[in-house]
Amino acid sequence: VYKSGDDGEKWEKDHRFNLGWEPAFEVKKSSFVKADDIRNQLYVGGSFGLMIYKNGSVTIPSSVPQFFGNSGKFGEIIVTDSVLYASYRYSVYSPGDIIVSDDDGDTWEVHGNTKKFFNTLAAAPNGKIYGVEAGNLYVSDSTASNFVDLSAPLSHLSVITDVIVLSSGQVIITTFGDGVLTSSDEGTKWT
């Protein structure tokens, strides 16, 4: 893990996530880092599981559903005022789930009945969650459950690679080969 204090001009190793072996990004190739301004925490997750930097030290969640050693994979974490959501797959053979934590990431439980692994997640102001899975775009209901496929109006596009949602509710997706598209009506029409 590397950090910069000058807008990316210079970088140095961030040793906060070194637990006595190689830093997380050197352990596995599939990793992410997420800053949580609400709780003043950092998350490093990926194919090795999840590490949380808080209160001056690194912790590993004590409870992740069906988590066996390092066989699970975190896709992405969404930070809200009250809870944390994450996409999680227990093994390469499981379809995955959305999991939730209401105690700053210490314990996690399955949320809803998603059965998908989203590489990318984004939270909307209305409580909905957007996710990208296997190049398709999905959206949940306002309880962050019951995902539906929004890919029909986008079927002519190449693979969707990322999704973000602005505070205005505008949804932005990136694609592999077809550029950036936006929607102001929760994914019904795209520009």
Protein backbone atom coordinates (compact mmCIF):
# COMPACT_ATOMS: atom_id res chain seq x y z
CA VAL A 1 0.00 0.00 0.00
CA TYR A 2 1.38 3.41 -0.97
CA LYS A 3 0.37 6.91 0.16
CA SER A 4 0.95 10.46 -1.04
CA GLY A 5 0.66 13.72 0.90
CA ASP A 6 1.15 16.03 -2.08
CA ASP A 7 -1.63 15.16 -4.56
CA GLY A 8 0.28 12.27 -6.06
CA GLU A 9 3.59 13.95 -6.81
CA LYS A 10 5.59 11.68 -4.46
CA TRP A 11 4.65 8.28 -3.05
CA GLU A 12 5.91 6.26 -0.10
CA LYS A 13 5.04 2.88 1.36
CA ASP A 14 2.28 2.93 3.95
CA HIS A 15 3.33 0.39 6.56
CA ARG A 16 0.10 0.56 8.59
CA PHE A 17 -1.17 -2.64 6.94
CA ASN A 18 1.94 -4.72 7.50
CA LEU A 19 0.93 -7.45 9.96
CA GLY A 20 4.32 -9.13 10.12
CA TRP A 21 4.39 -10.32 6.53
CA GLU A 22 4.23 -8.61 3.14
CA PRO A 23 1.86 -5.63 2.84
CA ALA A 24 -1.62 -6.48 1.53
CA PHE A 25 -1.08 -5.30 -2.05
CA GLU A 26 1.99 -7.52 -2.34
CA VAL A 27 0.19 -10.57 -0.96
CA LYS A 28 -2.50 -10.73 -3.65
CA LYS A 29 -2.98 -8.94 -6.94
CA SER A 30 -6.70 -8.26 -6.51
CA SER A 31 -7.02 -5.55 -3.85
CA PHE A 32 -8.63 -2.19 -3.09
CA VAL A 33 -8.25 0.56 -0.53
CA LYS A 34 -11.21 2.59 0.75
CA ALA A 35 -11.19 5.63 3.03
CA ASP A 36 -14.05 6.06 5.50
CA ASP A 37 -14.31 9.72 6.52
CA ILE A 38 -17.37 9.00 8.68
CA ARG A 39 -15.59 6.51 10.97
CA ASN A 40 -12.00 7.70 10.33
CA GLN A 41 -10.97 4.24 9.11
CA LEU A 42 -9.14 2.73 6.13
CA TYR A 43 -10.09 -0.60 4.54
CA VAL A 44 -7.80 -2.79 2.46
CA GLY A 45 -9.68 -5.69 0.93
CA GLY A 46 -9.58 -8.13 -1.91
CA SER A 47 -8.86 -11.76 -2.56
CA PHE A 48 -7.11 -12.14 0.81
CA GLY A 49 -10.07 -10.90 2.90
CA LEU A 50 -10.26 -7.57 4.72
CA MET A 51 -7.99 -5.49 6.97
CA ILE A 52 -9.24 -2.38 8.77
CA TYR A 53 -6.99 0.39 10.09
CA LYS A 54 -8.64 2.18 13.02
CA ASN A 55 -7.58 3.63 16.34
CA GLY A 56 -3.90 3.35 15.38
CA SER A 57 -3.82 -0.37 14.57
CA VAL A 58 -4.95 -2.96 12.04
CA THR A 59 -7.77 -5.36 12.79
CA ILE A 60 -9.21 -8.26 10.83
CA PRO A 61 -12.99 -8.76 11.13
CA SER A 62 -13.87 -11.42 13.66
CA SER A 63 -17.01 -12.50 11.81
CA VAL A 64 -17.57 -12.83 8.09
CA PRO A 65 -20.30 -15.27 6.96
CA GLN A 66 -18.86 -18.62 5.90
CA PHE A 67 -15.35 -17.15 5.88
CA PHE A 68 -12.67 -19.85 5.89
CA GLY A 69 -9.14 -18.54 6.19
CA ASN A 70 -8.14 -16.64 3.08
CA SER A 71 -10.60 -18.30 0.69
CA GLY A 72 -13.04 -15.37 0.60
CA LYS A 73 -12.87 -12.25 -1.56
CA PHE A 74 -14.16 -8.75 -0.89
CA GLY A 75 -15.31 -6.89 -4.00
CA GLU A 76 -15.92 -3.37 -2.68
CA ILE A 77 -17.13 -1.60 0.46
CA ILE A 78 -19.82 1.08 0.58
CA VAL A 79 -19.71 3.54 3.47
CA THR A 80 -22.98 5.04 4.76
CA ASP A 81 -23.78 6.97 7.93
CA SER A 82 -25.22 3.93 9.70
CA VAL A 83 -23.76 0.77 8.13
CA LEU A 84 -21.09 -0.64 5.85
CA TYR A 85 -22.05 -2.78 2.85
CA ALA A 86 -19.64 -5.04 0.99
CA SER A 87 -19.76 -7.45 -1.90
CA TYR A 88 -18.32 -10.75 -0.78
CA ARG A 89 -17.67 -14.17 -2.27
CA TYR A 90 -16.86 -17.08 0.03
CA SER A 91 -14.87 -19.03 -2.57
CA VAL A 92 -14.41 -19.14 -6.33
CA TYR A 93 -17.35 -21.55 -6.44
CA SER A 94 -19.88 -19.38 -4.60
CA PRO A 95 -22.07 -16.78 -6.36
CA GLY A 96 -21.48 -14.19 -3.62
CA ASP A 97 -23.59 -11.95 -1.40
CA ILE A 98 -23.99 -8.43 -0.11
CA ILE A 99 -22.90 -8.40 3.51
CA VAL A 100 -23.48 -5.66 6.07
CA SER A 101 -21.80 -4.44 9.25
CA ASP A 102 -23.28 -2.05 11.80
CA ASP A 103 -20.27 -2.10 14.16
CA ASP A 104 -17.58 -0.39 12.05
CA GLY A 105 -16.61 -3.58 10.20
CA ASP A 106 -15.85 -5.81 13.18
CA THR A 107 -18.64 -8.30 12.39
CA TRP A 108 -20.56 -8.95 9.16
CA GLU A 109 -23.75 -10.76 8.21
CA VAL A 110 -25.52 -11.56 4.93
CA HIS A 111 -27.91 -8.81 3.79
CA GLY A 112 -30.83 -9.93 1.63
CA ASN A 113 -30.62 -12.73 -0.91
CA THR A 114 -28.43 -11.26 -3.65
CA LYS A 115 -26.35 -14.27 -4.75
CA LYS A 116 -24.05 -12.18 -6.93
CA PHE A 117 -20.50 -10.95 -6.58
CA PHE A 118 -20.11 -7.30 -7.54
CA ASN A 119 -16.61 -6.10 -8.37
CA THR A 120 -17.88 -2.53 -8.11
CA LEU A 121 -20.58 -1.05 -5.85
CA ALA A 122 -21.96 2.47 -5.56
CA ALA A 123 -24.53 3.88 -3.14
CA ALA A 124 -27.32 6.20 -4.29
CA PRO A 125 -28.85 8.93 -2.07
CA ASN A 126 -32.18 7.05 -2.01
CA GLY A 127 -30.73 3.96 -0.31
CA LYS A 128 -30.33 1.95 -3.51
CA ILE A 129 -27.07 0.24 -4.43
CA TYR A 130 -25.69 -0.14 -7.96
CA GLY A 131 -23.35 -3.00 -8.76
CA VAL A 132 -21.35 -4.28 -11.72
CA GLU A 133 -21.18 -8.06 -12.06
CA ALA A 134 -19.80 -9.90 -15.08
CA GLY A 135 -19.94 -6.67 -17.11
CA ASN A 136 -23.64 -6.04 -16.39
CA LEU A 137 -25.23 -3.30 -14.28
CA TYR A 138 -27.65 -4.06 -11.43
CA VAL A 139 -29.60 -1.89 -8.97
CA SER A 140 -31.21 -2.80 -5.65
CA ASP A 141 -34.41 -1.57 -4.07
CA SER A 142 -34.23 1.14 -1.39
CA THR A 143 -33.36 -1.44 1.28
CA ALA A 144 -30.15 -2.44 -0.58
CA SER A 145 -31.72 -5.82 -1.43
CA ASN A 146 -33.49 -7.42 -4.41
CA PHE A 147 -31.19 -6.48 -7.28
CA VAL A 148 -32.55 -6.20 -10.83
CA ASP A 149 -30.57 -6.16 -14.07
CA LEU A 150 -30.42 -2.73 -15.77
CA SER A 151 -28.41 -3.95 -18.74
CA ALA A 152 -31.25 -4.16 -21.31
CA PRO A 153 -30.94 -0.51 -22.48
CA LEU A 154 -27.17 -1.04 -22.58
CA SER A 155 -27.11 -4.37 -24.42
CA HIS A 156 -25.38 -2.79 -27.45
CA LEU A 157 -22.43 -1.73 -25.28
CA SER A 158 -19.26 -3.56 -24.48
CA VAL A 159 -18.48 -4.64 -20.92
CA ILE A 160 -19.40 -2.20 -18.12
CA THR A 161 -16.34 -1.70 -15.91
CA ASP A 162 -17.35 0.80 -13.19
CA VAL A 163 -20.29 2.70 -11.72
CA ILE A 164 -20.48 5.79 -9.51
CA VAL A 165 -23.49 7.73 -8.25
CA LEU A 166 -23.33 11.46 -7.60
CA SER A 167 -25.12 13.12 -4.67
CA SER A 168 -27.69 14.40 -7.21
CA GLY A 169 -28.57 10.77 -8.02
CA GLN A 170 -26.98 10.85 -11.47
CA VAL A 171 -25.52 7.45 -12.35
CA ILE A 172 -22.26 7.29 -14.32
CA ILE A 173 -20.83 4.12 -15.86
CA THR A 174 -17.62 3.41 -17.71
CA THR A 175 -17.36 0.78 -20.39
CA PHE A 176 -14.57 -1.14 -22.04
CA GLY A 177 -14.57 0.38 -25.51
CA ASP A 178 -17.74 2.52 -25.52
CA GLY A 179 -16.74 5.37 -23.22
CA VAL A 180 -18.60 6.97 -20.31
CA LEU A 181 -22.41 7.12 -20.06
CA THR A 182 -24.70 8.95 -17.63
CA SER A 183 -28.31 8.50 -16.55
CA SER A 184 -30.51 10.91 -14.62
CA ASP A 185 -33.47 8.51 -14.28
CA GLU A 186 -31.92 5.59 -12.37
CA GLY A 187 -30.76 3.79 -15.49
CA THR A 188 -33.78 3.87 -17.78
CA LYS A 189 -32.15 6.17 -20.37
CA TRP A 190 -28.43 6.76 -20.97
CA THR A 191 -26.42 9.51 -22.64
